Amino acid sequence: MSIYQKWFLAARPWSFTMTAVSVSVGSVMGAMEGGFSWGFYLITLAGVIAMHGAANLLNDYYDVRSGVDTLEVSTAQYRPHPLVEGELSLNEVLTEAACFFVLAAGIGIFLAATKGWMILTLALIGAFAGVFYTAPPFKYKYKALGEFSVFMMWGPLMVEGAYFVQRQTLSLDALWVSLPFGVLVALVLFANNLRDTADDEGKGIRTLSIITGPRKGIWVYIALVACAYASVVVMAFTGPLNLWSLMVLISLPLFFSLLRKMIHNPPLDADAQTAKLNTAFGILLLISLLVGGLM
C-alpha cells in the first residue's frame, strides 16, 4: 500500500458523505432563492471536506498519542486505522493534517475575499472546533461536549455557510432545516460513545453517554432520532420545507432495524450504522429539496 493510499484511509473518507450532504443542503436552499454557482459549490465542498479531513486526522493523532485509541478499541476492529496499525507514524499523520488545513485555509480565504468575510468567521469557528476537539488545552471531546460541537458544525455552521456562499446572507429557513441533520450527525458520535462507555470511563474520559448512563443513553438516542424525523414532518406542513420532504420517512426502516440492535446491545459498528441512517436521511432530504424546487 502506497503512502498516498494510507493517507487517504487515515483521513476517514467514508465520513465525508455527511459533509457533502450538509454543504449540498445549504447550497440547494440558496439556489431556491436565486441563481446557483456550480463552481462556488464545488470550491465550498472541497474546502469543508479538507477541514473535515484535517479534523479527523488530528482527532486520531491525539487519541493515539494519549493512549485513548489502541488496537483493542472497538473502532479499530471494523475500520482501517493506519495510525493504530502502525502503517503511519504520528509525524506523518500530523503532516497530512497540516496539508489539509493549509488547503482548507486557502479555500476559506478565497471564499471570504469573493463572497464576504462572514465566511472567514465561520471558517475560524470550524477550525477552532476541529483542532481542539481532542487537542490540548481544551480537549473538549473528553468533557462531554463532542456531540454538541458535531451538531453545531454539521448542522447550522455548514448549512448556513454553504447558503451564504450562494446568497451572501444568512437564512433562518436554512437554520431550521439544518437542525435535524445536525442532530443525526451528532448521534453518530453518541452511538460510538454508547458502545464505548465502559472503556472511556476506565480511561478517565467524560462523555454524554457516561453522564446519561448506557440504558438511559439508548432512550436519549431514540428520542433524538424521533425528534429529527418529527421536525421534518412539521416543517413539511408548516414551512420552510414542502410536502416532498416527507420522503425522508422512506429511511425509517433503517432506523427500526438499528433500533432493535441498539436496545439489545449497541453493535460494534453502532456509529457506522448511525452514519448510514444519517446519510440516507440527508440524501432523501436533499432530493426532496431539489424536486420541490423544480416543481
C-alpha atoms as a PDB file:
ATOM      1  CA  MET A   1       0.000   0.000   0.000  1.00  0.00           C
ATOM      2  CA  SER A   2       1.457   3.385  -1.025  1.00  0.00           C
ATOM      3  CA  ILE A   3       1.824   6.300   1.364  1.00  0.00           C
ATOM      4  CA  TYR A   4      -0.973   8.108  -0.507  1.00  0.00           C
ATOM      5  CA  GLN A   5      -3.366   5.201  -0.006  1.00  0.00           C
ATOM      6  CA  LYS A   6      -2.516   5.178   3.696  1.00  0.00           C
ATOM      7  CA  TRP A   7      -3.079   8.924   3.897  1.00  0.00           C
ATOM      8  CA  PHE A   8      -6.404   8.519   2.108  1.00  0.00           C
ATOM      9  CA  LEU A   9      -7.608   5.892   4.593  1.00  0.00           C
ATOM     10  CA  ALA A  10      -6.271   7.822   7.580  1.00  0.00           C
ATOM     11  CA  ALA A  11      -8.474  10.800   6.642  1.00  0.00           C
ATOM     12  CA  ARG A  12     -11.590   8.571   7.001  1.00  0.00           C
ATOM     13  CA  PRO A  13     -13.071   9.427   3.568  1.00  0.00           C
ATOM     14  CA  TRP A  14     -16.255   7.421   4.227  1.00  0.00           C
ATOM     15  CA  SER A  15     -17.273  10.117   6.725  1.00  0.00           C
ATOM     16  CA  PHE A  16     -17.187  12.835   4.057  1.00  0.00           C
ATOM     17  CA  THR A  17     -20.675  11.902   2.823  1.00  0.00           C
ATOM     18  CA  MET A  18     -22.135  13.682   5.855  1.00  0.00           C
ATOM     19  CA  THR A  19     -20.174  16.814   4.978  1.00  0.00           C
ATOM     20  CA  ALA A  20     -21.263  16.589   1.348  1.00  0.00           C
ATOM     21  CA  VAL A  21     -24.926  16.410   2.377  1.00  0.00           C
ATOM     22  CA  SER A  22     -24.655  19.400   4.758  1.00  0.00           C
ATOM     23  CA  VAL A  23     -22.955  21.567   2.125  1.00  0.00           C
ATOM     24  CA  SER A  24     -25.392  20.409  -0.565  1.00  0.00           C
ATOM     25  CA  VAL A  25     -28.482  21.133   1.533  1.00  0.00           C
ATOM     26  CA  GLY A  26     -27.295  24.662   2.289  1.00  0.00           C
ATOM     27  CA  SER A  27     -26.320  25.271  -1.328  1.00  0.00           C
ATOM     28  CA  VAL A  28     -29.625  23.982  -2.722  1.00  0.00           C
ATOM     29  CA  MET A  29     -31.608  26.088  -0.255  1.00  0.00           C
ATOM     30  CA  GLY A  30     -29.659  29.082  -1.506  1.00  0.00           C
ATOM     31  CA  ALA A  31     -30.379  28.128  -5.103  1.00  0.00           C
ATOM     32  CA  MET A  32     -34.108  28.005  -4.371  1.00  0.00           C
ATOM     33  CA  GLU A  33     -33.987  31.751  -3.747  1.00  0.00           C
ATOM     34  CA  GLY A  34     -31.923  32.753  -6.759  1.00  0.00           C
ATOM     35  CA  GLY A  35     -29.104  31.620  -9.028  1.00  0.00           C
ATOM     36  CA  PHE A  36     -26.746  28.739  -8.333  1.00  0.00           C
ATOM     37  CA  SER A  37     -22.995  28.642  -8.897  1.00  0.00           C
ATOM     38  CA  TRP A  38     -21.652  25.144  -9.511  1.00  0.00           C
ATOM     39  CA  GLY A  39     -18.115  26.471  -9.323  1.00  0.00           C
ATOM     40  CA  PHE A  40     -18.517  28.001  -5.871  1.00  0.00           C
ATOM     41  CA  TYR A  41     -20.490  24.969  -4.692  1.00  0.00           C
ATOM     42  CA  LEU A  42     -17.602  22.653  -5.622  1.00  0.00           C
ATOM     43  CA  ILE A  43     -14.992  25.002  -4.127  1.00  0.00           C
ATOM     44  CA  THR A  44     -17.010  25.192  -0.897  1.00  0.00           C
ATOM     45  CA  LEU A  45     -17.378  21.419  -0.795  1.00  0.00           C
ATOM     46  CA  ALA A  46     -13.627  20.930  -1.319  1.00  0.00           C
ATOM     47  CA  GLY A  47     -12.768  23.399   1.436  1.00  0.00           C
ATOM     48  CA  VAL A  48     -15.138  21.910   4.002  1.00  0.00           C
ATOM     49  CA  ILE A  49     -14.035  18.350   3.201  1.00  0.00           C
ATOM     50  CA  ALA A  50     -10.404  19.447   3.629  1.00  0.00           C
ATOM     51  CA  MET A  51     -11.264  20.863   7.050  1.00  0.00           C
ATOM     52  CA  HIS A  52     -13.159  17.679   7.949  1.00  0.00           C
ATOM     53  CA  GLY A  53     -10.209  15.518   6.884  1.00  0.00           C
ATOM     54  CA  ALA A  54      -7.801  17.630   8.941  1.00  0.00           C
ATOM     55  CA  ALA A  55     -10.058  17.345  11.996  1.00  0.00           C
ATOM     56  CA  ASN A  56     -10.299  13.555  11.577  1.00  0.00           C
ATOM     57  CA  LEU A  57      -6.512  13.250  11.381  1.00  0.00           C
ATOM     58  CA  LEU A  58      -5.877  15.446  14.417  1.00  0.00           C
ATOM     59  CA  ASN A  59      -8.555  13.549  16.359  1.00  0.00           C
ATOM     60  CA  ASP A  60      -6.753  10.246  15.653  1.00  0.00           C
ATOM     61  CA  TYR A  61      -3.338  11.815  16.282  1.00  0.00           C
ATOM     62  CA  TYR A  62      -4.216  12.963  19.799  1.00  0.00           C
ATOM     63  CA  ASP A  63      -6.309   9.872  20.610  1.00  0.00           C
ATOM     64  CA  VAL A  64      -3.370   7.596  19.760  1.00  0.00           C
ATOM     65  CA  ARG A  65      -0.746   9.817  21.375  1.00  0.00           C
ATOM     66  CA  SER A  66      -2.722   9.930  24.631  1.00  0.00           C
ATOM     67  CA  GLY A  67      -3.406   6.177  24.591  1.00  0.00           C
ATOM     68  CA  VAL A  68      -7.178   6.509  24.077  1.00  0.00           C
ATOM     69  CA  ASP A  69      -7.063   4.631  20.745  1.00  0.00           C
ATOM     70  CA  THR A  70      -5.264   1.288  20.608  1.00  0.00           C
ATOM     71  CA  LEU A  71      -5.615  -1.900  18.574  1.00  0.00           C
ATOM     72  CA  GLU A  72      -8.049  -3.154  21.221  1.00  0.00           C
ATOM     73  CA  VAL A  73     -10.635  -0.350  20.879  1.00  0.00           C
ATOM     74  CA  SER A  74     -13.859  -1.111  19.021  1.00  0.00           C
ATOM     75  CA  THR A  75     -13.197   1.423  16.264  1.00  0.00           C
ATOM     76  CA  ALA A  76     -10.020  -0.328  15.167  1.00  0.00           C
ATOM     77  CA  GLN A  77     -11.899  -3.636  14.882  1.00  0.00           C
ATOM     78  CA  TYR A  78     -14.180  -2.720  11.978  1.00  0.00           C
ATOM     79  CA  ARG A  79     -12.495   0.078  10.009  1.00  0.00           C
ATOM     80  CA  PRO A  80      -8.982   0.792   8.711  1.00  0.00           C
ATOM     81  CA  HIS A  81      -6.903   2.756  11.206  1.00  0.00           C
ATOM     82  CA  PRO A  82      -3.412   3.186   9.685  1.00  0.00           C
ATOM     83  CA  LEU A  83      -2.066   5.078  12.701  1.00  0.00           C
ATOM     84  CA  VAL A  84      -3.111   2.478  15.284  1.00  0.00           C
ATOM     85  CA  GLU A  85      -1.992  -0.338  12.973  1.00  0.00           C
ATOM     86  CA  GLY A  86       1.486   1.187  12.668  1.00  0.00           C
ATOM     87  CA  GLU A  87       1.124   1.861   8.938  1.00  0.00           C
ATOM     88  CA  LEU A  88       1.686   5.575   9.566  1.00  0.00           C
ATOM     89  CA  SER A  89       3.699   7.390  12.220  1.00  0.00           C
ATOM     90  CA  LEU A  90       2.396  10.205  14.401  1.00  0.00           C
ATOM     91  CA  ASN A  91       4.541  12.700  12.476  1.00  0.00           C
ATOM     92  CA  GLU A  92       3.194  11.508   9.127  1.00  0.00           C
ATOM     93  CA  VAL A  93      -0.399  11.938  10.294  1.00  0.00           C
ATOM     94  CA  LEU A  94       0.403  15.381  11.686  1.00  0.00           C
ATOM     95  CA  THR A  95       1.986  16.354   8.363  1.00  0.00           C
ATOM     96  CA  GLU A  96      -1.093  15.188   6.463  1.00  0.00           C
ATOM     97  CA  ALA A  97      -3.358  17.135   8.816  1.00  0.00           C
ATOM     98  CA  ALA A  98      -1.269  20.263   8.221  1.00  0.00           C
ATOM     99  CA  CYS A  99      -1.601  19.813   4.446  1.00  0.00           C
ATOM    100  CA  PHE A 100      -5.382  19.545   4.737  1.00  0.00           C
ATOM    101  CA  PHE A 101      -5.502  22.628   6.972  1.00  0.00           C
ATOM    102  CA  VAL A 102      -3.419  24.662   4.512  1.00  0.00           C
ATOM    103  CA  LEU A 103      -5.762  23.656   1.669  1.00  0.00           C
ATOM    104  CA  ALA A 104      -8.843  24.495   3.746  1.00  0.00           C
ATOM    105  CA  ALA A 105      -7.345  27.842   4.795  1.00  0.00           C
ATOM    106  CA  GLY A 106      -6.535  28.784   1.206  1.00  0.00           C
ATOM    107  CA  ILE A 107     -10.053  27.993   0.052  1.00  0.00           C
ATOM    108  CA  GLY A 108     -11.559  29.793   3.039  1.00  0.00           C
ATOM    109  CA  ILE A 109      -9.577  32.966   2.339  1.00  0.00           C
ATOM    110  CA  PHE A 110     -10.574  32.844  -1.341  1.00  0.00           C
ATOM    111  CA  LEU A 111     -14.264  32.433  -0.483  1.00  0.00           C
ATOM    112  CA  ALA A 112     -14.077  35.200   2.113  1.00  0.00           C
ATOM    113  CA  ALA A 113     -12.470  37.566  -0.408  1.00  0.00           C
ATOM    114  CA  THR A 114     -15.010  36.811  -3.143  1.00  0.00           C
ATOM    115  CA  LYS A 115     -18.223  36.171  -1.194  1.00  0.00           C
ATOM    116  CA  GLY A 116     -17.890  38.058   2.063  1.00  0.00           C
ATOM    117  CA  TRP A 117     -15.867  37.995   5.255  1.00  0.00           C
ATOM    118  CA  MET A 118     -18.618  36.190   7.154  1.00  0.00           C
ATOM    119  CA  ILE A 119     -17.114  33.081   5.538  1.00  0.00           C
ATOM    120  CA  LEU A 120     -13.850  33.712   7.394  1.00  0.00           C
ATOM    121  CA  THR A 121     -15.706  33.938  10.712  1.00  0.00           C
ATOM    122  CA  LEU A 122     -17.473  30.625  10.089  1.00  0.00           C
ATOM    123  CA  ALA A 123     -14.205  29.023   8.916  1.00  0.00           C
ATOM    124  CA  LEU A 124     -12.352  30.132  12.049  1.00  0.00           C
ATOM    125  CA  ILE A 125     -15.108  28.703  14.270  1.00  0.00           C
ATOM    126  CA  GLY A 126     -14.864  25.418  12.344  1.00  0.00           C
ATOM    127  CA  ALA A 127     -11.069  25.390  12.589  1.00  0.00           C
ATOM    128  CA  PHE A 128     -11.160  26.001  16.348  1.00  0.00           C
ATOM    129  CA  ALA A 129     -13.712  23.214  16.816  1.00  0.00           C
ATOM    130  CA  GLY A 130     -11.727  20.804  14.651  1.00  0.00           C
ATOM    131  CA  VAL A 131      -8.338  21.439  16.244  1.00  0.00           C
ATOM    132  CA  PHE A 132      -9.336  21.484  19.902  1.00  0.00           C
ATOM    133  CA  TYR A 133     -11.751  18.559  19.669  1.00  0.00           C
ATOM    134  CA  THR A 134      -9.033  16.357  21.177  1.00  0.00           C
ATOM    135  CA  ALA A 135      -6.053  18.731  21.219  1.00  0.00           C
ATOM    136  CA  PRO A 136      -4.867  20.454  24.409  1.00  0.00           C
ATOM    137  CA  PRO A 137      -5.583  22.665  26.226  1.00  0.00           C
ATOM    138  CA  PHE A 138      -9.332  22.203  25.702  1.00  0.00           C
ATOM    139  CA  LYS A 139      -9.776  18.568  24.563  1.00  0.00           C
ATOM    140  CA  TYR A 140     -13.497  19.202  24.835  1.00  0.00           C
ATOM    141  CA  LYS A 141     -14.469  15.838  23.323  1.00  0.00           C
ATOM    142  CA  TYR A 142     -13.362  14.311  26.625  1.00  0.00           C
ATOM    143  CA  LYS A 143     -15.569  16.743  28.587  1.00  0.00           C
ATOM    144  CA  ALA A 144     -18.938  15.626  27.175  1.00  0.00           C
ATOM    145  CA  LEU A 145     -19.046  18.452  24.601  1.00  0.00           C
ATOM    146  CA  GLY A 146     -18.278  16.406  21.496  1.00  0.00           C
ATOM    147  CA  GLU A 147     -21.896  15.788  20.477  1.00  0.00           C
ATOM    148  CA  PHE A 148     -22.844  19.457  20.828  1.00  0.00           C
ATOM    149  CA  SER A 149     -19.875  20.529  18.713  1.00  0.00           C
ATOM    150  CA  VAL A 150     -20.648  17.984  15.981  1.00  0.00           C
ATOM    151  CA  PHE A 151     -24.300  19.079  15.970  1.00  0.00           C
ATOM    152  CA  MET A 152     -23.294  22.733  15.501  1.00  0.00           C
ATOM    153  CA  MET A 153     -20.612  22.036  12.880  1.00  0.00           C
ATOM    154  CA  TRP A 154     -22.568  19.706  10.597  1.00  0.00           C
ATOM    155  CA  GLY A 155     -25.870  21.432  11.246  1.00  0.00           C
ATOM    156  CA  PRO A 156     -26.025  25.255  11.435  1.00  0.00           C
ATOM    157  CA  LEU A 157     -22.388  26.059  10.590  1.00  0.00           C
ATOM    158  CA  MET A 158     -22.014  24.041   7.373  1.00  0.00           C
ATOM    159  CA  VAL A 159     -25.545  24.561   6.076  1.00  0.00           C
ATOM    160  CA  GLU A 160     -25.539  28.303   6.771  1.00  0.00           C
ATOM    161  CA  GLY A 161     -22.004  28.628   5.415  1.00  0.00           C
ATOM    162  CA  ALA A 162     -22.904  26.921   2.126  1.00  0.00           C
ATOM    163  CA  TYR A 163     -26.067  29.024   1.907  1.00  0.00           C
ATOM    164  CA  PHE A 164     -24.026  32.199   2.468  1.00  0.00           C
ATOM    165  CA  VAL A 165     -21.665  31.341  -0.394  1.00  0.00           C
ATOM    166  CA  GLN A 166     -24.619  31.158  -2.780  1.00  0.00           C
ATOM    167  CA  ARG A 167     -26.632  34.122  -1.421  1.00  0.00           C
ATOM    168  CA  GLN A 168     -24.184  36.296   0.592  1.00  0.00           C
ATOM    169  CA  THR A 169     -26.586  36.364   3.523  1.00  0.00           C
ATOM    170  CA  LEU A 170     -27.697  34.064   6.315  1.00  0.00           C
ATOM    171  CA  SER A 171     -31.107  32.386   6.431  1.00  0.00           C
ATOM    172  CA  LEU A 172     -33.465  31.478   9.250  1.00  0.00           C
ATOM    173  CA  ASP A 173     -35.051  28.840   6.989  1.00  0.00           C
ATOM    174  CA  ALA A 174     -31.653  27.227   6.373  1.00  0.00           C
ATOM    175  CA  LEU A 175     -31.020  27.258  10.112  1.00  0.00           C
ATOM    176  CA  TRP A 176     -34.254  25.371  10.862  1.00  0.00           C
ATOM    177  CA  VAL A 177     -33.597  22.797   8.137  1.00  0.00           C
ATOM    178  CA  SER A 178     -30.045  22.241   9.394  1.00  0.00           C
ATOM    179  CA  LEU A 179     -31.181  21.163  12.869  1.00  0.00           C
ATOM    180  CA  PRO A 180     -32.487  17.599  12.232  1.00  0.00           C
ATOM    181  CA  PHE A 181     -29.482  16.731  10.088  1.00  0.00           C
ATOM    182  CA  GLY A 182     -27.103  18.153  12.692  1.00  0.00           C
ATOM    183  CA  VAL A 183     -28.796  16.039  15.371  1.00  0.00           C
ATOM    184  CA  LEU A 184     -28.343  12.849  13.362  1.00  0.00           C
ATOM    185  CA  VAL A 185     -24.659  13.569  12.715  1.00  0.00           C
ATOM    186  CA  ALA A 186     -24.156  14.169  16.448  1.00  0.00           C
ATOM    187  CA  LEU A 187     -25.809  10.818  17.118  1.00  0.00           C
ATOM    188  CA  VAL A 188     -23.044   9.109  15.129  1.00  0.00           C
ATOM    189  CA  LEU A 189     -20.647  10.198  17.873  1.00  0.00           C
ATOM    190  CA  PHE A 190     -23.188   9.460  20.594  1.00  0.00           C
ATOM    191  CA  ALA A 191     -23.644   5.886  19.277  1.00  0.00           C
ATOM    192  CA  ASN A 192     -19.874   5.447  19.293  1.00  0.00           C
ATOM    193  CA  ASN A 193     -19.710   6.654  22.890  1.00  0.00           C
ATOM    194  CA  LEU A 194     -22.623   4.453  23.978  1.00  0.00           C
ATOM    195  CA  ARG A 195     -20.735   1.429  22.720  1.00  0.00           C
ATOM    196  CA  ASP A 196     -17.514   2.535  24.425  1.00  0.00           C
ATOM    197  CA  THR A 197     -18.967   3.784  27.731  1.00  0.00           C
ATOM    198  CA  ALA A 198     -17.121   1.312  29.964  1.00  0.00           C
ATOM    199  CA  ASP A 199     -13.806   1.716  28.117  1.00  0.00           C
ATOM    200  CA  ASP A 200     -13.999   5.533  28.120  1.00  0.00           C
ATOM    201  CA  GLU A 201     -14.890   5.659  31.800  1.00  0.00           C
ATOM    202  CA  GLY A 202     -11.893   3.468  32.594  1.00  0.00           C
ATOM    203  CA  LYS A 203      -9.618   5.946  30.805  1.00  0.00           C
ATOM    204  CA  GLY A 204     -10.996   8.943  32.685  1.00  0.00           C
ATOM    205  CA  ILE A 205     -12.886  10.288  29.678  1.00  0.00           C
ATOM    206  CA  ARG A 206     -16.205  12.023  30.290  1.00  0.00           C
ATOM    207  CA  THR A 207     -18.806  11.680  27.542  1.00  0.00           C
ATOM    208  CA  LEU A 208     -22.521  12.352  27.264  1.00  0.00           C
ATOM    209  CA  SER A 209     -23.261   8.614  27.398  1.00  0.00           C
ATOM    210  CA  ILE A 210     -21.356   8.357  30.683  1.00  0.00           C
ATOM    211  CA  ILE A 211     -23.462  11.202  32.103  1.00  0.00           C
ATOM    212  CA  THR A 212     -26.748   9.614  30.989  1.00  0.00           C
ATOM    213  CA  GLY A 213     -25.677   6.045  31.650  1.00  0.00           C
ATOM    214  CA  PRO A 214     -25.859   3.321  28.965  1.00  0.00           C
ATOM    215  CA  ARG A 215     -29.565   2.424  29.382  1.00  0.00           C
ATOM    216  CA  LYS A 216     -30.866   5.986  29.602  1.00  0.00           C
ATOM    217  CA  GLY A 217     -28.497   6.846  26.776  1.00  0.00           C
ATOM    218  CA  ILE A 218     -30.306   4.410  24.479  1.00  0.00           C
ATOM    219  CA  TRP A 219     -33.588   6.224  25.151  1.00  0.00           C
ATOM    220  CA  VAL A 220     -31.929   9.600  24.577  1.00  0.00           C
ATOM    221  CA  TYR A 221     -30.654   8.245  21.251  1.00  0.00           C
ATOM    222  CA  ILE A 222     -34.144   7.023  20.261  1.00  0.00           C
ATOM    223  CA  ALA A 223     -35.805  10.271  21.336  1.00  0.00           C
ATOM    224  CA  LEU A 224     -33.394  12.422  19.336  1.00  0.00           C
ATOM    225  CA  VAL A 225     -33.836  10.345  16.163  1.00  0.00           C
ATOM    226  CA  ALA A 226     -37.618  10.612  16.628  1.00  0.00           C
ATOM    227  CA  CYS A 227     -37.293  14.385  17.041  1.00  0.00           C
ATOM    228  CA  ALA A 228     -35.262  14.645  13.826  1.00  0.00           C
ATOM    229  CA  TYR A 229     -37.971  12.862  11.835  1.00  0.00           C
ATOM    230  CA  ALA A 230     -40.803  14.710  13.599  1.00  0.00           C
ATOM    231  CA  SER A 231     -39.223  18.095  12.898  1.00  0.00           C
ATOM    232  CA  VAL A 232     -39.090  17.357   9.161  1.00  0.00           C
ATOM    233  CA  VAL A 233     -42.761  16.330   9.193  1.00  0.00           C
ATOM    234  CA  VAL A 234     -43.708  19.559  10.998  1.00  0.00           C
ATOM    235  CA  MET A 235     -41.623  21.702   8.616  1.00  0.00           C
ATOM    236  CA  ALA A 236     -43.125  19.898   5.616  1.00  0.00           C
ATOM    237  CA  PHE A 237     -46.597  21.108   6.621  1.00  0.00           C
ATOM    238  CA  THR A 238     -45.751  24.490   8.136  1.00  0.00           C
ATOM    239  CA  GLY A 239     -42.576  25.514   6.295  1.00  0.00           C
ATOM    240  CA  PRO A 240     -39.854  26.072   5.345  1.00  0.00           C
ATOM    241  CA  LEU A 241     -39.885  22.563   3.803  1.00  0.00           C
ATOM    242  CA  ASN A 242     -42.508  21.245   1.387  1.00  0.00           C
ATOM    243  CA  LEU A 243     -44.527  18.036   1.336  1.00  0.00           C
ATOM    244  CA  TRP A 244     -41.898  16.353  -0.824  1.00  0.00           C
ATOM    245  CA  SER A 245     -39.731  16.349   2.297  1.00  0.00           C
ATOM    246  CA  LEU A 246     -41.894  13.574   3.712  1.00  0.00           C
ATOM    247  CA  MET A 247     -39.851  11.216   1.539  1.00  0.00           C
ATOM    248  CA  VAL A 248     -37.280  11.174   4.384  1.00  0.00           C
ATOM    249  CA  LEU A 249     -39.711   8.722   6.027  1.00  0.00           C
ATOM    250  CA  ILE A 250     -38.542   6.155   3.456  1.00  0.00           C
ATOM    251  CA  SER A 251     -35.421   5.784   5.618  1.00  0.00           C
ATOM    252  CA  LEU A 252     -37.441   4.757   8.700  1.00  0.00           C
ATOM    253  CA  PRO A 253     -36.882   1.001   8.139  1.00  0.00           C
ATOM    254  CA  LEU A 254     -33.141   1.639   8.597  1.00  0.00           C
ATOM    255  CA  PHE A 255     -33.905   3.303  11.913  1.00  0.00           C
ATOM    256  CA  PHE A 256     -36.191   0.492  13.099  1.00  0.00           C
ATOM    257  CA  SER A 257     -33.569  -2.102  12.184  1.00  0.00           C
ATOM    258  CA  LEU A 258     -30.890  -0.172  14.067  1.00  0.00           C
ATOM    259  CA  LEU A 259     -33.264   0.443  16.968  1.00  0.00           C
ATOM    260  CA  ARG A 260     -33.661  -3.282  17.621  1.00  0.00           C
ATOM    261  CA  LYS A 261     -29.883  -3.669  17.792  1.00  0.00           C
ATOM    262  CA  MET A 262     -29.337  -0.619  19.985  1.00  0.00           C
ATOM    263  CA  ILE A 263     -31.955  -1.671  22.534  1.00  0.00           C
ATOM    264  CA  HIS A 264     -30.477  -5.156  22.799  1.00  0.00           C
ATOM    265  CA  ASN A 265     -26.822  -4.104  22.804  1.00  0.00           C
ATOM    266  CA  PRO A 266     -25.090  -1.355  20.779  1.00  0.00           C
ATOM    267  CA  PRO A 267     -23.291  -3.170  17.935  1.00  0.00           C
ATOM    268  CA  LEU A 268     -19.574  -2.863  17.331  1.00  0.00           C
ATOM    269  CA  ASP A 269     -20.234  -0.565  14.372  1.00  0.00           C
ATOM    270  CA  ALA A 270     -23.067   1.414  16.004  1.00  0.00           C
ATOM    271  CA  ASP A 271     -21.537   4.680  14.807  1.00  0.00           C
ATOM    272  CA  ALA A 272     -21.144   3.437  11.225  1.00  0.00           C
ATOM    273  CA  GLN A 273     -24.741   2.189  11.140  1.00  0.00           C
ATOM    274  CA  THR A 274     -25.970   5.505  12.521  1.00  0.00           C
ATOM    275  CA  ALA A 275     -23.938   7.245   9.819  1.00  0.00           C
ATOM    276  CA  LYS A 276     -25.728   5.140   7.174  1.00  0.00           C
ATOM    277  CA  LEU A 277     -29.084   6.220   8.610  1.00  0.00           C
ATOM    278  CA  ASN A 278     -27.907   9.820   8.655  1.00  0.00           C
ATOM    279  CA  THR A 279     -26.713   9.623   5.047  1.00  0.00           C
ATOM    280  CA  ALA A 280     -29.981   8.070   3.834  1.00  0.00           C
ATOM    281  CA  PHE A 281     -31.986  10.715   5.716  1.00  0.00           C
ATOM    282  CA  GLY A 282     -29.819  13.523   4.352  1.00  0.00           C
ATOM    283  CA  ILE A 283     -29.847  12.340   0.730  1.00  0.00           C
ATOM    284  CA  LEU A 284     -33.636  11.945   0.803  1.00  0.00           C
ATOM    285  CA  LEU A 285     -33.970  15.429   2.286  1.00  0.00           C
ATOM    286  CA  LEU A 286     -31.686  16.801  -0.413  1.00  0.00           C
ATOM    287  CA  ILE A 287     -33.676  15.049  -3.173  1.00  0.00           C
ATOM    288  CA  SER A 288     -36.912  16.436  -1.746  1.00  0.00           C
ATOM    289  CA  LEU A 289     -35.499  19.963  -1.851  1.00  0.00           C
ATOM    290  CA  LEU A 290     -34.421  19.505  -5.469  1.00  0.00           C
ATOM    291  CA  VAL A 291     -37.781  18.025  -6.516  1.00  0.00           C
ATOM    292  CA  GLY A 292     -39.712  20.678  -4.618  1.00  0.00           C
ATOM    293  CA  GLY A 293     -37.645  23.421  -6.232  1.00  0.00           C
ATOM    294  CA  LEU A 294     -38.149  22.013  -9.721  1.00  0.00           C
ATOM    295  CA  MET A 295     -41.868  21.509  -9.183  1.00  0.00           C
END
